[in-house]
């Protein structure tokens, strides 16, 4: 996402998820996916991914950042 291309970031995150579905960086990948979905204007999908992450890892170090993202703002489209 450093390049400002959330679609490319999502493609890469999806590829990593397919290759390493239970990898050590699963939480990081899920949190990055939430943020990339927000950046792409896909708030409802970000909410679903955020709920999945917080359901699996409620104490994640990424929880605060995920809760502060578009995924939990009012008026999701």
Foldseek 3Di string as FASTA:
>chain_A
DVVLDLVVLLVVLVVCCVVCVPDPCNLVSLLSNLQSCLSVLNQCVSLVSLCVSCVVCVPDPSNVVSCPTSNPDPDRD
